[in-house]
PDB file of all heavy atoms in Angstrom:
ATOM      1  N   LEU A   1       0.822  -1.210   0.032  1.00  0.00           N
ATOM      2  CA  LEU A   1       0.008  -0.006  -0.003  1.00  0.00           C
ATOM      3  C   LEU A   1       0.886   1.239   0.027  1.00  0.00           C
ATOM      4  O   LEU A   1       0.604   2.236  -0.739  1.00  0.00           O
ATOM      5  CB  LEU A   1      -0.921   0.009   1.230  1.00  0.00           C
ATOM      6  CG  LEU A   1      -1.832   1.224   1.380  1.00  0.00           C
ATOM      7  CD1 LEU A   1      -2.750   1.405   0.148  1.00  0.00           C
ATOM      8  CD2 LEU A   1      -2.629   1.119   2.674  1.00  0.00           C
ATOM      9  N   ALA A   2       1.922   1.272   0.847  1.00  0.00           N
ATOM     10  CA  ALA A   2       2.846   2.415   0.852  1.00  0.00           C
ATOM     11  C   ALA A   2       3.497   2.590  -0.504  1.00  0.00           C
ATOM     12  O   ALA A   2       3.699   3.719  -0.967  1.00  0.00           O
ATOM     13  CB  ALA A   2       3.874   2.187   1.947  1.00  0.00           C
ATOM     14  N   LEU A   3       3.913   1.480  -1.113  1.00  0.00           N
ATOM     15  CA  LEU A   3       4.532   1.566  -2.441  1.00  0.00           C
ATOM     16  C   LEU A   3       3.571   2.166  -3.486  1.00  0.00           C
ATOM     17  O   LEU A   3       3.970   2.991  -4.306  1.00  0.00           O
ATOM     18  CB  LEU A   3       4.979   0.177  -2.901  1.00  0.00           C
ATOM     19  CG  LEU A   3       5.695   0.096  -4.249  1.00  0.00           C
ATOM     20  CD1 LEU A   3       6.986   0.917  -4.263  1.00  0.00           C
ATOM     21  CD2 LEU A   3       6.011  -1.356  -4.613  1.00  0.00           C
ATOM     22  N   ALA A   4       2.300   1.762  -3.366  1.00  0.00           N
ATOM     23  CA  ALA A   4       1.293   2.325  -4.287  1.00  0.00           C
ATOM     24  C   ALA A   4       1.142   3.820  -4.081  1.00  0.00           C
ATOM     25  O   ALA A   4       1.080   4.601  -5.046  1.00  0.00           O
ATOM     26  CB  ALA A   4      -0.054   1.587  -4.109  1.00  0.00           C
ATOM     27  N   LEU A   5       1.096   4.267  -2.829  1.00  0.00           N
ATOM     28  CA  LEU A   5       0.914   5.690  -2.482  1.00  0.00           C
ATOM     29  C   LEU A   5       2.132   6.468  -3.009  1.00  0.00           C
ATOM     30  O   LEU A   5       1.972   7.540  -3.581  1.00  0.00           O
ATOM     31  CB  LEU A   5       0.724   5.866  -0.982  1.00  0.00           C
ATOM     32  CG  LEU A   5      -0.634   5.330  -0.450  1.00  0.00           C
ATOM     33  CD1 LEU A   5      -0.636   5.454   1.080  1.00  0.00           C
ATOM     34  CD2 LEU A   5      -1.807   6.135  -1.036  1.00  0.00           C
ATOM     35  N   LEU A   6       3.326   5.957  -2.734  1.00  0.00           N
ATOM     36  CA  LEU A   6       4.546   6.668  -3.185  1.00  0.00           C
ATOM     37  C   LEU A   6       4.587   6.712  -4.704  1.00  0.00           C
ATOM     38  O   LEU A   6       5.043   7.710  -5.275  1.00  0.00           O
ATOM     39  CB  LEU A   6       5.778   5.998  -2.608  1.00  0.00           C
ATOM     40  CG  LEU A   6       5.955   6.100  -1.079  1.00  0.00           C
ATOM     41  CD1 LEU A   6       7.098   5.220  -0.633  1.00  0.00           C
ATOM     42  CD2 LEU A   6       6.214   7.545  -0.681  1.00  0.00           C
ATOM     43  N   SER A   7       4.157   5.621  -5.345  1.00  0.00           N
ATOM     44  CA  SER A   7       4.124   5.630  -6.848  1.00  0.00           C
ATOM     45  C   SER A   7       3.161   6.687  -7.384  1.00  0.00           C
ATOM     46  O   SER A   7       3.487   7.381  -8.372  1.00  0.00           O
ATOM     47  CB  SER A   7       3.721   4.259  -7.355  1.00  0.00           C
ATOM     48  OG  SER A   7       4.602   3.290  -6.918  1.00  0.00           O
ATOM     49  N   LEU A   8       2.094   6.916  -6.699  1.00  0.00           N
ATOM     50  CA  LEU A   8       1.132   7.957  -7.098  1.00  0.00           C
ATOM     51  C   LEU A   8       1.758   9.356  -6.944  1.00  0.00           C
ATOM     52  O   LEU A   8       1.580  10.223  -7.784  1.00  0.00           O
ATOM     53  CB  LEU A   8      -0.154   7.878  -6.293  1.00  0.00           C
ATOM     54  CG  LEU A   8      -1.039   6.658  -6.569  1.00  0.00           C
ATOM     55  CD1 LEU A   8      -2.233   6.621  -5.631  1.00  0.00           C
ATOM     56  CD2 LEU A   8      -1.533   6.651  -8.043  1.00  0.00           C
ATOM     57  N   ILE A   9       2.517   9.517  -5.848  1.00  0.00           N
ATOM     58  CA  ILE A   9       3.221  10.790  -5.672  1.00  0.00           C
ATOM     59  C   ILE A   9       4.250  10.996  -6.808  1.00  0.00           C
ATOM     60  O   ILE A   9       4.382  12.127  -7.305  1.00  0.00           O
ATOM     61  CB  ILE A   9       3.917  10.826  -4.295  1.00  0.00           C
ATOM     62  CG1 ILE A   9       2.842  10.811  -3.188  1.00  0.00           C
ATOM     63  CG2 ILE A   9       4.739  12.084  -4.141  1.00  0.00           C
ATOM     64  CD1 ILE A   9       3.432  10.709  -1.784  1.00  0.00           C
ATOM     65  N   VAL A  10       4.974   9.932  -7.136  1.00  0.00           N
ATOM     66  CA  VAL A  10       5.965  10.042  -8.211  1.00  0.00           C
ATOM     67  C   VAL A  10       5.251  10.433  -9.515  1.00  0.00           C
ATOM     68  O   VAL A  10       5.739  11.346 -10.231  1.00  0.00           O
ATOM     69  CB  VAL A  10       6.673   8.669  -8.365  1.00  0.00           C
ATOM     70  CG1 VAL A  10       7.433   8.654  -9.687  1.00  0.00           C
ATOM     71  CG2 VAL A  10       7.619   8.444  -7.225  1.00  0.00           C
ATOM     72  N   VAL A  11       4.180   9.799  -9.838  1.00  0.00           N
ATOM     73  CA  VAL A  11       3.428  10.145 -11.059  1.00  0.00           C
ATOM     74  C   VAL A  11       2.961  11.581 -11.042  1.00  0.00           C
ATOM     75  O   VAL A  11       3.006  12.303 -12.084  1.00  0.00           O
ATOM     76  CB  VAL A  11       2.243   9.178 -11.267  1.00  0.00           C
ATOM     77  CG1 VAL A  11       1.378   9.653 -12.407  1.00  0.00           C
ATOM     78  CG2 VAL A  11       2.724   7.780 -11.527  1.00  0.00           C
ATOM     79  N   ALA A  12       2.566  12.083  -9.859  1.00  0.00           N
ATOM     80  CA  ALA A  12       2.051  13.470  -9.774  1.00  0.00           C
ATOM     81  C   ALA A  12       3.159  14.483  -9.857  1.00  0.00           C
ATOM     82  O   ALA A  12       2.938  15.604 -10.387  1.00  0.00           O
ATOM     83  CB  ALA A  12       1.317  13.632  -8.447  1.00  0.00           C
ATOM     84  N   LEU A  13       4.361  14.174  -9.380  1.00  0.00           N
ATOM     85  CA  LEU A  13       5.426  15.187  -9.275  1.00  0.00           C
ATOM     86  C   LEU A  13       6.481  15.085 -10.387  1.00  0.00           C
ATOM     87  O   LEU A  13       7.170  16.089 -10.684  1.00  0.00           O
ATOM     88  CB  LEU A  13       6.099  15.109  -7.916  1.00  0.00           C
ATOM     89  CG  LEU A  13       5.239  15.418  -6.683  1.00  0.00           C
ATOM     90  CD1 LEU A  13       6.046  15.302  -5.413  1.00  0.00           C
ATOM     91  CD2 LEU A  13       4.594  16.796  -6.794  1.00  0.00           C
ATOM     92  N   ASP A  14       6.706  13.926 -10.878  1.00  0.00           N
ATOM     93  CA  ASP A  14       7.840  13.675 -11.822  1.00  0.00           C
ATOM     94  C   ASP A  14       7.439  14.070 -13.253  1.00  0.00           C
ATOM     95  O   ASP A  14       6.484  13.507 -13.837  1.00  0.00           O
ATOM     96  CB  ASP A  14       8.278  12.236 -11.821  1.00  0.00           C
ATOM     97  CG  ASP A  14       9.683  12.050 -12.327  1.00  0.00           C
ATOM     98  OD1 ASP A  14      10.005  12.679 -13.339  1.00  0.00           O
ATOM     99  OD2 ASP A  14      10.446  11.270 -11.711  1.00  0.00           O
ATOM    100  N   PRO A  15       8.136  15.031 -13.865  1.00  0.00           N
ATOM    101  CA  PRO A  15       7.808  15.448 -15.249  1.00  0.00           C
ATOM    102  C   PRO A  15       7.919  14.289 -16.233  1.00  0.00           C
ATOM    103  O   PRO A  15       7.239  14.310 -17.282  1.00  0.00           O
ATOM    104  CB  PRO A  15       8.872  16.483 -15.584  1.00  0.00           C
ATOM    105  CG  PRO A  15       9.325  16.996 -14.236  1.00  0.00           C
ATOM    106  CD  PRO A  15       9.243  15.856 -13.310  1.00  0.00           C
ATOM    107  N   ALA A  16       8.653  13.248 -15.919  1.00  0.00           N
ATOM    108  CA  ALA A  16       8.775  12.115 -16.823  1.00  0.00           C
ATOM    109  C   ALA A  16       7.463  11.374 -16.997  1.00  0.00           C
ATOM    110  O   ALA A  16       7.274  10.679 -17.999  1.00  0.00           O
ATOM    111  CB  ALA A  16       9.856  11.133 -16.314  1.00  0.00           C
ATOM    112  N   PHE A  17       6.528  11.543 -16.071  1.00  0.00           N
ATOM    113  CA  PHE A  17       5.222  10.786 -16.117  1.00  0.00           C
ATOM    114  C   PHE A  17       4.077  11.711 -16.322  1.00  0.00           C
ATOM    115  O   PHE A  17       2.949  11.289 -16.070  1.00  0.00           O
ATOM    116  CB  PHE A  17       5.082   9.967 -14.819  1.00  0.00           C
ATOM    117  CG  PHE A  17       6.257   9.122 -14.538  1.00  0.00           C
ATOM    118  CD1 PHE A  17       7.025   9.332 -13.406  1.00  0.00           C
ATOM    119  CD2 PHE A  17       6.669   8.145 -15.393  1.00  0.00           C
ATOM    120  CE1 PHE A  17       8.114   8.568 -13.091  1.00  0.00           C
ATOM    121  CE2 PHE A  17       7.818   7.356 -15.143  1.00  0.00           C
ATOM    122  CZ  PHE A  17       8.538   7.577 -13.991  1.00  0.00           C
ATOM    123  N   GLN A  18       4.307  12.938 -16.793  1.00  0.00           N
ATOM    124  CA  GLN A  18       3.215  13.854 -17.037  1.00  0.00           C
ATOM    125  C   GLN A  18       2.485  13.540 -18.337  1.00  0.00           C
ATOM    126  O   GLN A  18       1.361  13.868 -18.507  1.00  0.00           O
ATOM    127  CB  GLN A  18       3.707  15.319 -17.038  1.00  0.00           C
ATOM    128  CG  GLN A  18       4.358  15.714 -15.706  1.00  0.00           C
ATOM    129  CD  GLN A  18       3.490  15.451 -14.532  1.00  0.00           C
ATOM    130  OE1 GLN A  18       2.342  15.874 -14.473  1.00  0.00           O
ATOM    131  NE2 GLN A  18       4.031  14.770 -13.526  1.00  0.00           N
ATOM    132  N   ASP A  19       3.273  12.922 -19.276  1.00  0.00           N
ATOM    133  CA  ASP A  19       2.660  12.525 -20.528  1.00  0.00           C
ATOM    134  C   ASP A  19       1.700  11.375 -20.294  1.00  0.00           C
ATOM    135  O   ASP A  19       2.027  10.404 -19.621  1.00  0.00           O
ATOM    136  CB  ASP A  19       3.722  12.157 -21.522  1.00  0.00           C
ATOM    137  CG  ASP A  19       3.144  11.742 -22.866  1.00  0.00           C
ATOM    138  OD1 ASP A  19       2.522  12.622 -23.531  1.00  0.00           O
ATOM    139  OD2 ASP A  19       3.347  10.575 -23.225  1.00  0.00           O
ATOM    140  N   ALA A  20       0.555  11.427 -20.907  1.00  0.00           N
ATOM    141  CA  ALA A  20      -0.495  10.359 -20.687  1.00  0.00           C
ATOM    142  C   ALA A  20       0.014   8.957 -21.113  1.00  0.00           C
ATOM    143  O   ALA A  20      -0.201   7.979 -20.426  1.00  0.00           O
ATOM    144  CB  ALA A  20      -1.767  10.699 -21.444  1.00  0.00           C
ATOM    145  N   ASP A  21       0.731   8.964 -22.252  1.00  0.00           N
ATOM    146  CA  ASP A  21       1.196   7.627 -22.733  1.00  0.00           C
ATOM    147  C   ASP A  21       2.227   7.049 -21.793  1.00  0.00           C
ATOM    148  O   ASP A  21       2.231   5.848 -21.459  1.00  0.00           O
ATOM    149  CB  ASP A  21       1.794   7.770 -24.118  1.00  0.00           C
ATOM    150  CG  ASP A  21       0.720   8.199 -25.139  1.00  0.00           C
ATOM    151  OD1 ASP A  21      -0.419   7.888 -24.924  1.00  0.00           O
ATOM    152  OD2 ASP A  21       1.097   8.847 -26.138  1.00  0.00           O
ATOM    153  N   THR A  22       3.122   7.899 -21.323  1.00  0.00           N
ATOM    154  CA  THR A  22       4.174   7.391 -20.369  1.00  0.00           C
ATOM    155  C   THR A  22       3.547   7.012 -19.043  1.00  0.00           C
ATOM    156  O   THR A  22       3.970   6.068 -18.427  1.00  0.00           O
ATOM    157  CB  THR A  22       5.237   8.466 -20.190  1.00  0.00           C
ATOM    158  OG1 THR A  22       5.777   8.841 -21.469  1.00  0.00           O
ATOM    159  CG2 THR A  22       6.370   7.933 -19.328  1.00  0.00           C
ATOM    160  N   GLY A  23       2.558   7.776 -18.596  1.00  0.00           N
ATOM    161  CA  GLY A  23       1.943   7.543 -17.288  1.00  0.00           C
ATOM    162  C   GLY A  23       1.264   6.201 -17.198  1.00  0.00           C
ATOM    163  O   GLY A  23       1.043   5.710 -16.101  1.00  0.00           O
ATOM    164  N   THR A  24       0.912   5.619 -18.290  1.00  0.00           N
ATOM    165  CA  THR A  24       0.225   4.300 -18.233  1.00  0.00           C
ATOM    166  C   THR A  24       1.173   3.164 -17.933  1.00  0.00           C
ATOM    167  O   THR A  24       0.776   2.055 -17.602  1.00  0.00           O
ATOM    168  CB  THR A  24      -0.502   4.052 -19.566  1.00  0.00           C
ATOM    169  OG1 THR A  24       0.489   4.019 -20.644  1.00  0.00           O
ATOM    170  CG2 THR A  24      -1.528   5.058 -19.836  1.00  0.00           C
ATOM    171  N   GLU A  25       2.480   3.411 -18.084  1.00  0.00           N
ATOM    172  CA  GLU A  25       3.485   2.405 -17.714  1.00  0.00           C
ATOM    173  C   GLU A  25       3.633   2.314 -16.212  1.00  0.00           C
ATOM    174  O   GLU A  25       4.083   3.281 -15.572  1.00  0.00           O
ATOM    175  CB  GLU A  25       4.819   2.733 -18.351  1.00  0.00           C
ATOM    176  CG  GLU A  25       4.779   2.747 -19.906  1.00  0.00           C
ATOM    177  CD  GLU A  25       4.652   1.359 -20.492  1.00  0.00           C
ATOM    178  OE1 GLU A  25       4.816   0.371 -19.749  1.00  0.00           O
ATOM    179  OE2 GLU A  25       4.423   1.286 -21.679  1.00  0.00           O
ATOM    180  N   TRP A  26       3.265   1.243 -15.586  1.00  0.00           N
ATOM    181  CA  TRP A  26       3.280   1.100 -14.147  1.00  0.00           C
ATOM    182  C   TRP A  26       4.678   0.849 -13.615  1.00  0.00           C
ATOM    183  O   TRP A  26       4.980   1.166 -12.458  1.00  0.00           O
ATOM    184  CB  TRP A  26       2.344  -0.006 -13.667  1.00  0.00           C
ATOM    185  CG  TRP A  26       2.745  -1.373 -14.157  1.00  0.00           C
ATOM    186  CD1 TRP A  26       2.356  -1.937 -15.333  1.00  0.00           C
ATOM    187  CD2 TRP A  26       3.608  -2.257 -13.509  1.00  0.00           C
ATOM    188  NE1 TRP A  26       2.950  -3.203 -15.426  1.00  0.00           N
ATOM    189  CE2 TRP A  26       3.753  -3.403 -14.329  1.00  0.00           C
ATOM    190  CE3 TRP A  26       4.304  -2.228 -12.297  1.00  0.00           C
ATOM    191  CZ2 TRP A  26       4.516  -4.512 -13.970  1.00  0.00           C
ATOM    192  CZ3 TRP A  26       5.085  -3.340 -11.910  1.00  0.00           C
ATOM    193  CH2 TRP A  26       5.183  -4.456 -12.759  1.00  0.00           C
ATOM    194  N   LEU A  27       5.567   0.217 -14.405  1.00  0.00           N
ATOM    195  CA  LEU A  27       6.861  -0.183 -13.893  1.00  0.00           C
ATOM    196  C   LEU A  27       7.761   0.985 -13.487  1.00  0.00           C
ATOM    197  O   LEU A  27       8.352   0.988 -12.423  1.00  0.00           O
ATOM    198  CB  LEU A  27       7.612  -1.025 -14.979  1.00  0.00           C
ATOM    199  CG  LEU A  27       9.020  -1.485 -14.579  1.00  0.00           C
ATOM    200  CD1 LEU A  27       8.988  -2.388 -13.318  1.00  0.00           C
ATOM    201  CD2 LEU A  27       9.685  -2.233 -15.739  1.00  0.00           C
ATOM    202  N   LEU A  28       7.812   2.015 -14.333  1.00  0.00           N
ATOM    203  CA  LEU A  28       8.747   3.149 -14.053  1.00  0.00           C
ATOM    204  C   LEU A  28       8.386   3.887 -12.741  1.00  0.00           C
ATOM    205  O   LEU A  28       9.241   4.156 -11.918  1.00  0.00           O
ATOM    206  CB  LEU A  28       8.785   4.100 -15.243  1.00  0.00           C
ATOM    207  CG  LEU A  28       9.468   3.526 -16.491  1.00  0.00           C
ATOM    208  CD1 LEU A  28       9.500   4.554 -17.593  1.00  0.00           C
ATOM    209  CD2 LEU A  28      10.854   3.012 -16.203  1.00  0.00           C
ATOM    210  N   PRO A  29       7.089   4.254 -12.492  1.00  0.00           N
ATOM    211  CA  PRO A  29       6.766   4.863 -11.230  1.00  0.00           C
ATOM    212  C   PRO A  29       7.139   3.994 -10.042  1.00  0.00           C
ATOM    213  O   PRO A  29       7.603   4.478  -9.000  1.00  0.00           O
ATOM    214  CB  PRO A  29       5.264   5.158 -11.336  1.00  0.00           C
ATOM    215  CG  PRO A  29       5.016   5.203 -12.775  1.00  0.00           C
ATOM    216  CD  PRO A  29       5.968   4.248 -13.402  1.00  0.00           C
TER     217      PRO A  29
END
């Protein structure tokens, strides 16, 4: 659960995952 929450924070803050196509990749976050 903590990993999932931290992954959501990464997706929200990291410019690498702001693109919709990139954001669908779950491994990188």
